[in-house]
Amino acid sequence: MRVLSLALMALAVAGETYFKETFDGAWDKRWTPSAKEGLGKFVKAHSELSDVEGLKTSEDAKFYAISAQTDKEYTNKDKDLVVSFTVQHAQGIDCGGGYLKVMPKTDAAAFTGDSEYFMMFGPDICGYTKKIHLIFGYNGKNLLWKKEPKCESDKLTHLYTVIVRPDGTYEVQVDGAKKESGKLEDDWAFLEPKEIDDPSDKKPADWVDEAQMDDPEDKKPAGYDDIAASIPDPQAEKPEDWDEDEDGEWEAPTIPNPEYKGPWAPKKIPNPAYKGPWAAKKIANPEYKEDKELYLTRKPLSTVGFDLWQVKSGTIFNNIIISDSVDEVKAFNDATWGKMKDGEKAEFEKAEAAAKKAADEAAASNAAAATEEEEEDEE
């Protein structure tokens, strides 16, 4: 009986995974490109640092749009929603997106940047901008994250994970470590403010805004205005060839007067009549509507997609998982990204060392050639 109870308990706490993709086998049967004209092509490929293949952008200066369907519709009602995937900017990206969209049922052929989504998550790089996007679709609006945590921008594969919890909190992880966390209501403009300024409240006419005032006891020193701003330079001497008949009377050039202190003004003292900055009183906002389920998708979810622009192609996406279990996502990540990251980093460091050695040798060769040329010229 106890064994049965434990088994039932295990089933009760077991998570559910809605989507999992490592681009093995017939990936192109599971993923469908948008029918929009002029889009870039995704291919299956690996980088020079690893033999693990993923979904790669292959054409420069193109928009991309591709999507896949989950086996069934799902919702995150009263459950965590965990979205995780890897991104490798193997090309050394200069400008482009690397984000994933989680959507309600979407026609793959009609999928574009205007398609409705519940979440858009992942890195975005363009010039000096290097940030992680986490955008939520809510009541017809796409809400930008108030925070802008920095994303990774090297050529290694990085793991991006977001956890949205039914208590209204969230956490974003990069390579398994917490990058950001907080409350949905605080970090996105889901709701109108609870209170607003009372439009009928006006600042009193006698309200004093000045925190300081002139000291009435401070008087201007006698002779203060007689001090000139500039004086003749005492070090200057009339040139020996100066001819007053032709050049006129010689005058020494002027220099700033070290005794001059500028226009006089009385010193400031605290204003006893100052009441502080005025602000209208607050009243309840009639537009505010409480929502205790900000975490919850408004529609059942069943589509996953990439909708991107990239100037320089070559980004590789892989190891996508969507689940209600943090533990299942971690186990999946450990078995995929976790097993390849160290080897990839070693190859990266090896390639960097080889490139540095080649650059140093080229610089030394150029310097030797320049020296030899100079010696020949001297002869």
Protein backbone atom coordinates (compact mmCIF):
# COMPACT_ATOMS: atom_id res chain seq x y z
CA MET A 1 0.00 0.00 0.00
CA ARG A 2 2.86 2.34 0.90
CA VAL A 3 4.57 1.57 -2.41
CA LEU A 4 1.39 2.49 -4.26
CA SER A 5 1.10 5.74 -2.31
CA LEU A 6 4.68 6.68 -3.18
CA ALA A 7 4.06 5.91 -6.84
CA LEU A 8 0.95 8.09 -6.87
CA MET A 9 2.87 10.87 -5.14
CA ALA A 10 5.61 10.67 -7.77
CA LEU A 11 3.03 10.95 -10.52
CA ALA A 12 1.46 13.94 -8.77
CA VAL A 13 4.69 15.89 -8.64
CA ALA A 14 6.01 14.81 -12.05
CA GLY A 15 6.30 17.69 -14.50
CA GLU A 16 4.99 17.90 -18.02
CA THR A 17 7.15 18.86 -20.96
CA TYR A 18 5.23 20.48 -23.81
CA PHE A 19 8.01 20.86 -26.35
CA LYS A 20 11.52 19.55 -26.83
CA GLU A 21 13.80 20.05 -29.84
CA THR A 22 17.44 19.19 -30.59
CA PHE A 23 17.07 19.26 -34.40
CA ASP A 24 17.81 15.58 -34.82
CA GLY A 25 16.36 13.53 -37.67
CA ALA A 26 13.71 15.07 -39.90
CA TRP A 27 13.70 18.48 -38.23
CA ASP A 28 12.44 20.11 -41.44
CA LYS A 29 9.25 18.07 -41.15
CA ARG A 30 8.62 19.58 -37.71
CA TRP A 31 9.56 23.17 -38.57
CA THR A 32 7.81 25.17 -41.28
CA PRO A 33 9.17 28.42 -42.77
CA SER A 34 6.82 31.34 -43.17
CA ALA A 35 5.51 31.90 -46.68
CA LYS A 36 6.37 35.60 -46.54
CA GLU A 37 8.55 36.58 -49.51
CA GLY A 38 12.21 37.49 -49.20
CA LEU A 39 12.95 35.70 -45.93
CA GLY A 40 16.33 34.19 -45.11
CA LYS A 41 16.80 30.42 -45.05
CA PHE A 42 17.42 28.33 -41.95
CA VAL A 43 19.72 25.32 -42.37
CA LYS A 44 20.94 22.55 -40.10
CA ALA A 45 24.63 23.06 -39.33
CA HIS A 46 27.29 23.18 -36.66
CA SER A 47 30.03 25.70 -35.89
CA GLU A 48 33.79 25.27 -36.13
CA LEU A 49 33.91 24.77 -32.34
CA SER A 50 31.61 21.75 -32.09
CA ASP A 51 30.02 18.98 -34.15
CA VAL A 52 26.61 19.51 -32.48
CA GLU A 53 24.20 20.65 -35.17
CA GLY A 54 21.39 23.12 -34.70
CA LEU A 55 19.18 25.54 -36.63
CA LYS A 56 21.40 28.11 -38.34
CA THR A 57 20.68 31.39 -40.12
CA SER A 58 22.45 31.24 -43.51
CA GLU A 59 21.91 34.52 -45.40
CA ASP A 60 23.13 38.00 -44.49
CA ALA A 61 20.84 41.01 -44.10
CA LYS A 62 17.61 39.01 -43.98
CA PHE A 63 14.48 38.60 -41.91
CA TYR A 64 13.79 35.05 -40.75
CA ALA A 65 10.55 33.38 -39.67
CA ILE A 66 10.04 29.70 -38.89
CA SER A 67 7.82 27.85 -36.43
CA ALA A 68 6.85 24.44 -35.05
CA GLN A 69 3.80 23.05 -33.29
CA THR A 70 3.64 21.34 -29.93
CA ASP A 71 1.95 17.92 -29.70
CA LYS A 72 -0.99 19.49 -27.90
CA GLU A 73 -2.20 22.81 -26.61
CA TYR A 74 -1.20 23.70 -23.05
CA THR A 75 -1.60 26.44 -20.47
CA ASN A 76 0.39 27.49 -17.43
CA LYS A 77 -2.64 27.77 -15.14
CA ASP A 78 -1.41 27.31 -11.55
CA LYS A 79 1.94 26.00 -12.84
CA ASP A 80 5.44 27.20 -13.57
CA LEU A 81 6.27 27.88 -17.19
CA VAL A 82 9.91 27.22 -18.03
CA VAL A 83 11.33 28.13 -21.45
CA SER A 84 14.95 27.34 -22.27
CA PHE A 85 17.14 27.19 -25.39
CA THR A 86 20.70 27.73 -26.54
CA VAL A 87 22.08 30.45 -28.81
CA GLN A 88 25.49 30.52 -30.44
CA HIS A 89 26.52 33.62 -32.38
CA ALA A 90 29.25 31.66 -34.15
CA GLN A 91 29.67 34.40 -36.77
CA GLY A 92 30.52 37.10 -34.23
CA ILE A 93 27.21 38.88 -34.71
CA ASP A 94 27.20 42.65 -35.26
CA CYS A 95 23.46 43.30 -35.39
CA GLY A 96 20.59 40.86 -35.04
CA GLY A 97 18.17 39.04 -32.82
CA GLY A 98 18.44 35.66 -31.16
CA TYR A 99 15.07 35.31 -29.47
CA LEU A 100 12.35 32.67 -29.34
CA LYS A 101 8.60 33.28 -29.42
CA VAL A 102 6.05 31.20 -27.51
CA MET A 103 2.64 31.58 -29.12
CA PRO A 104 -0.95 30.40 -29.28
CA LYS A 105 -1.86 28.32 -32.33
CA THR A 106 -0.37 30.12 -35.34
CA ASP A 107 -0.58 29.35 -39.05
CA ALA A 108 3.05 28.62 -39.94
CA ALA A 109 2.72 29.99 -43.47
CA ALA A 110 1.30 33.27 -42.16
CA PHE A 111 3.79 33.65 -39.29
CA THR A 112 5.40 37.14 -39.27
CA GLY A 113 6.58 39.72 -36.80
CA ASP A 114 2.97 40.83 -36.37
CA SER A 115 1.75 37.41 -35.20
CA GLU A 116 0.38 37.29 -31.67
CA TYR A 117 2.65 35.83 -29.01
CA PHE A 118 2.63 35.25 -25.26
CA MET A 119 6.38 35.59 -24.77
CA MET A 120 9.42 36.72 -26.73
CA PHE A 121 12.67 35.79 -25.00
CA GLY A 122 16.36 35.83 -25.86
CA PRO A 123 19.40 37.96 -26.71
CA ASP A 124 19.37 41.02 -28.95
CA ILE A 125 22.59 42.60 -30.22
CA CYS A 126 23.13 45.65 -32.38
CA GLY A 127 26.24 47.78 -31.99
CA TYR A 128 26.58 48.81 -28.36
CA THR A 129 23.16 47.33 -27.52
CA LYS A 130 23.63 43.88 -26.01
CA LYS A 131 20.57 42.96 -23.97
CA ILE A 132 18.18 40.15 -23.13
CA HIS A 133 14.62 40.65 -24.33
CA LEU A 134 11.72 39.35 -22.30
CA ILE A 135 8.50 40.70 -23.75
CA PHE A 136 5.00 39.59 -22.76
CA GLY A 137 1.87 39.86 -24.89
CA TYR A 138 -0.96 41.11 -22.68
CA ASN A 139 -4.42 42.36 -23.66
CA GLY A 140 -3.33 43.24 -27.18
CA LYS A 141 -0.07 44.95 -26.20
CA ASN A 142 3.53 43.73 -26.26
CA LEU A 143 5.07 44.85 -22.98
CA LEU A 144 8.79 45.62 -22.86
CA TRP A 145 10.89 44.63 -19.88
CA LYS A 146 11.82 47.63 -17.72
CA LYS A 147 15.17 45.98 -17.06
CA GLU A 148 17.86 45.49 -19.72
CA PRO A 149 20.29 42.83 -18.49
CA LYS A 150 23.32 42.30 -20.71
CA CYS A 151 23.41 39.23 -22.94
CA GLU A 152 26.44 37.19 -23.99
CA SER A 153 28.13 38.35 -27.18
CA ASP A 154 31.04 35.96 -27.76
CA LYS A 155 31.13 32.99 -30.17
CA LEU A 156 30.29 30.32 -27.61
CA THR A 157 26.97 28.55 -27.11
CA HIS A 158 24.98 30.09 -24.25
CA LEU A 159 21.93 28.81 -22.44
CA TYR A 160 18.98 31.16 -21.87
CA THR A 161 16.23 30.14 -19.44
CA VAL A 162 13.18 31.95 -18.09
CA ILE A 163 10.86 30.74 -15.33
CA VAL A 164 7.43 32.34 -14.90
CA ARG A 165 5.67 31.35 -11.68
CA PRO A 166 1.98 31.43 -10.71
CA ASP A 167 2.81 33.63 -7.69
CA GLY A 168 3.57 36.45 -10.15
CA THR A 169 7.36 36.23 -9.94
CA TYR A 170 9.94 35.35 -12.58
CA GLU A 171 13.60 34.46 -12.96
CA VAL A 172 15.95 34.71 -15.94
CA GLN A 173 19.06 32.56 -16.07
CA VAL A 174 22.06 32.60 -18.38
CA ASP A 175 24.21 29.47 -18.49
CA GLY A 176 22.30 28.13 -15.48
CA ALA A 177 23.05 31.12 -13.23
CA LYS A 178 20.43 33.66 -12.15
CA LYS A 179 20.74 36.87 -14.14
CA GLU A 180 17.56 38.70 -13.09
CA SER A 181 14.42 38.10 -11.05
CA GLY A 182 11.50 40.01 -9.62
CA LYS A 183 7.76 40.55 -9.79
CA LEU A 184 5.88 40.72 -13.07
CA GLU A 185 3.78 43.64 -11.88
CA ASP A 186 6.87 45.64 -10.93
CA ASP A 187 8.98 45.03 -14.03
CA TRP A 188 6.38 45.31 -16.83
CA ALA A 189 3.56 47.79 -17.35
CA PHE A 190 0.83 45.15 -17.19
CA LEU A 191 -1.55 47.35 -15.23
CA GLU A 192 -2.44 51.00 -14.99
CA PRO A 193 -1.13 52.64 -11.77
CA LYS A 194 -3.33 52.12 -8.72
CA GLU A 195 -3.25 55.85 -7.93
CA ILE A 196 -2.98 59.00 -10.02
CA ASP A 197 -2.61 62.71 -9.30
CA ASP A 198 -5.89 64.43 -8.46
CA PRO A 199 -6.47 66.71 -11.49
CA SER A 200 -8.60 69.04 -9.34
CA ASP A 201 -5.85 69.59 -6.80
CA LYS A 202 -4.00 72.85 -7.49
CA LYS A 203 -0.88 74.31 -5.94
CA PRO A 204 -1.77 77.09 -3.45
CA ALA A 205 -0.88 80.60 -4.60
CA ASP A 206 1.24 81.19 -1.50
CA TRP A 207 3.24 77.96 -1.85
CA VAL A 208 6.96 78.69 -1.56
CA ASP A 209 9.06 76.65 -4.00
CA GLU A 210 12.49 78.11 -3.15
CA ALA A 211 14.46 76.01 -0.68
CA GLN A 212 17.00 78.83 -0.16
CA MET A 213 16.84 82.62 -0.05
CA ASP A 214 19.23 85.57 -0.07
CA ASP A 215 20.65 86.33 3.37
CA PRO A 216 19.20 89.75 4.29
CA GLU A 217 22.11 90.31 6.69
CA ASP A 218 24.74 89.87 3.98
CA LYS A 219 25.93 93.22 2.59
CA LYS A 220 28.13 93.99 -0.39
CA PRO A 221 31.61 95.04 0.74
CA ALA A 222 32.57 98.67 0.16
CA GLY A 223 34.47 99.15 -3.08
CA TYR A 224 33.45 95.71 -4.43
CA ASP A 225 32.25 97.15 -7.75
CA ASP A 226 35.48 99.14 -8.19
CA ILE A 227 37.49 95.96 -8.80
CA ALA A 228 38.01 95.58 -12.56
CA ALA A 229 37.56 92.20 -14.26
CA SER A 230 40.87 92.63 -16.10
CA ILE A 231 44.08 94.57 -15.58
CA PRO A 232 47.09 95.47 -17.74
CA ASP A 233 49.66 92.72 -17.81
CA PRO A 234 52.48 93.92 -15.52
CA GLN A 235 54.92 91.60 -17.29
CA ALA A 236 54.26 93.06 -20.72
CA GLU A 237 56.87 95.39 -22.26
CA LYS A 238 56.55 97.76 -25.17
CA PRO A 239 58.37 96.36 -28.21
CA GLU A 240 61.63 98.16 -28.99
CA ASP A 241 60.52 98.90 -32.54
CA TRP A 242 57.20 100.44 -31.45
CA ASP A 243 56.68 103.77 -33.26
CA GLU A 244 53.99 105.86 -31.56
CA ASP A 245 53.73 108.15 -34.61
CA GLU A 246 52.85 105.20 -36.80
CA ASP A 247 51.49 102.67 -34.28
CA GLY A 248 49.79 104.98 -31.82
CA GLU A 249 50.14 105.00 -28.09
CA TRP A 250 51.24 101.58 -26.81
CA GLU A 251 48.97 99.85 -24.31
CA ALA A 252 49.85 96.72 -22.39
CA PRO A 253 47.62 93.71 -23.10
CA THR A 254 45.16 92.87 -20.33
CA ILE A 255 44.96 89.75 -18.20
CA PRO A 256 42.24 88.49 -15.81
CA ASN A 257 42.36 90.32 -12.50
CA PRO A 258 43.04 87.80 -9.71
CA GLU A 259 41.26 90.15 -7.28
CA TYR A 260 38.02 90.15 -9.30
CA LYS A 261 35.37 87.80 -7.85
CA GLY A 262 32.57 88.30 -10.34
CA PRO A 263 29.24 90.05 -9.87
CA TRP A 264 28.35 90.26 -6.21
CA ALA A 265 25.44 88.26 -4.85
CA PRO A 266 24.37 87.74 -1.25
CA LYS A 267 25.01 84.33 0.23
CA LYS A 268 22.15 81.86 0.45
CA ILE A 269 20.51 80.65 3.63
CA PRO A 270 17.68 78.11 4.22
CA ASN A 271 14.29 79.63 3.46
CA PRO A 272 12.10 79.33 6.58
CA ALA A 273 8.97 79.60 4.42
CA TYR A 274 9.94 76.65 2.19
CA LYS A 275 7.37 73.83 2.37
CA GLY A 276 9.11 71.33 0.10
CA PRO A 277 8.24 70.29 -3.47
CA TRP A 278 4.54 70.53 -4.13
CA ALA A 279 2.72 67.46 -5.40
CA ALA A 280 -0.93 66.89 -6.09
CA LYS A 281 -2.68 64.53 -3.74
CA LYS A 282 -3.28 60.99 -4.98
CA ILE A 283 -6.65 59.49 -5.79
CA ALA A 284 -7.71 56.02 -6.89
CA ASN A 285 -7.20 55.49 -10.61
CA PRO A 286 -10.54 54.61 -12.23
CA GLU A 287 -8.61 52.85 -15.04
CA TYR A 288 -6.83 50.45 -12.69
CA LYS A 289 -8.08 46.86 -12.81
CA GLU A 290 -6.49 44.29 -10.57
CA ASP A 291 -5.25 41.09 -12.20
CA LYS A 292 -3.97 38.37 -9.89
CA GLU A 293 -3.02 36.16 -12.85
CA LEU A 294 -0.51 38.27 -14.73
CA TYR A 295 1.61 35.17 -15.21
CA LEU A 296 -1.14 33.35 -17.10
CA THR A 297 -1.30 33.05 -20.87
CA ARG A 298 -4.57 34.48 -22.17
CA LYS A 299 -4.90 31.71 -24.74
CA PRO A 300 -3.72 28.08 -24.85
CA LEU A 301 -0.21 27.81 -26.30
CA SER A 302 0.86 25.47 -29.10
CA THR A 303 3.41 27.21 -31.36
CA VAL A 304 7.11 27.94 -31.01
CA GLY A 305 8.91 30.18 -33.47
CA PHE A 306 11.89 32.29 -34.43
CA ASP A 307 11.13 35.70 -35.95
CA LEU A 308 14.42 37.57 -36.46
CA TRP A 309 16.42 40.12 -38.38
CA GLN A 310 20.17 39.55 -38.80
CA VAL A 311 22.78 41.62 -40.64
CA LYS A 312 25.47 38.94 -40.42
CA SER A 313 24.08 35.41 -40.47
CA GLY A 314 25.47 32.35 -38.72
CA THR A 315 23.62 32.14 -35.40
CA ILE A 316 22.85 28.56 -34.30
CA PHE A 317 19.79 27.76 -32.14
CA ASN A 318 19.35 24.47 -30.33
CA ASN A 319 18.18 22.55 -27.25
CA ILE A 320 14.72 24.08 -26.96
CA ILE A 321 12.53 22.90 -24.10
CA ILE A 322 9.25 24.20 -22.69
CA SER A 323 7.98 22.59 -19.52
CA ASP A 324 6.24 23.18 -16.19
CA SER A 325 9.15 21.56 -14.33
CA VAL A 326 12.36 23.37 -13.44
CA ASP A 327 13.96 20.02 -12.63
CA GLU A 328 13.09 18.45 -15.99
CA VAL A 329 14.45 21.46 -17.84
CA LYS A 330 17.66 21.34 -15.82
CA ALA A 331 18.08 17.62 -16.54
CA PHE A 332 17.57 18.23 -20.25
CA ASN A 333 20.04 21.12 -20.26
CA ASP A 334 22.64 19.07 -18.39
CA ALA A 335 22.29 16.27 -20.94
CA THR A 336 22.65 18.62 -23.95
CA TRP A 337 24.39 21.96 -23.44
CA GLY A 338 26.03 20.72 -20.25
CA LYS A 339 27.85 17.93 -22.06
CA MET A 340 29.22 20.03 -24.91
CA LYS A 341 30.04 23.41 -23.34
CA ASP A 342 33.46 22.53 -21.88
CA GLY A 343 34.73 20.93 -25.08
CA GLU A 344 33.47 23.87 -27.11
CA LYS A 345 35.18 26.36 -24.81
CA ALA A 346 38.45 24.42 -25.09
CA GLU A 347 38.23 24.58 -28.89
CA PHE A 348 37.44 28.28 -28.71
CA GLU A 349 40.48 28.99 -26.53
CA LYS A 350 42.64 26.86 -28.84
CA ALA A 351 41.44 28.82 -31.89
CA GLU A 352 41.99 32.14 -30.12
CA ALA A 353 45.53 31.15 -29.16
CA ALA A 354 46.30 30.07 -32.74
CA ALA A 355 44.91 33.34 -34.12
CA LYS A 356 46.99 35.37 -31.67
CA LYS A 357 50.13 33.43 -32.53
CA ALA A 358 49.53 33.99 -36.24
CA ALA A 359 48.93 37.71 -35.68
CA ASP A 360 52.10 38.05 -33.57
CA GLU A 361 54.17 36.24 -36.19
CA ALA A 362 52.77 38.42 -38.96
CA ALA A 363 53.52 41.57 -36.96
CA ALA A 364 57.08 40.39 -36.29
CA SER A 365 57.57 39.56 -39.98
CA ASN A 366 56.30 42.97 -41.07
CA ALA A 367 58.54 44.71 -38.56
CA ALA A 368 61.58 42.77 -39.79
CA ALA A 369 60.75 43.61 -43.41
CA ALA A 370 60.38 47.30 -42.55
CA THR A 371 63.76 47.31 -40.75
CA GLU A 372 65.45 45.61 -43.68
CA GLU A 373 63.98 48.15 -46.08
CA GLU A 374 65.22 51.05 -43.96
CA GLU A 375 68.73 49.59 -43.89
CA GLU A 376 68.72 49.23 -47.67
CA ASP A 377 67.63 52.84 -48.06
CA GLU A 378 70.47 54.01 -45.81
CA GLU A 379 73.00 52.14 -47.97
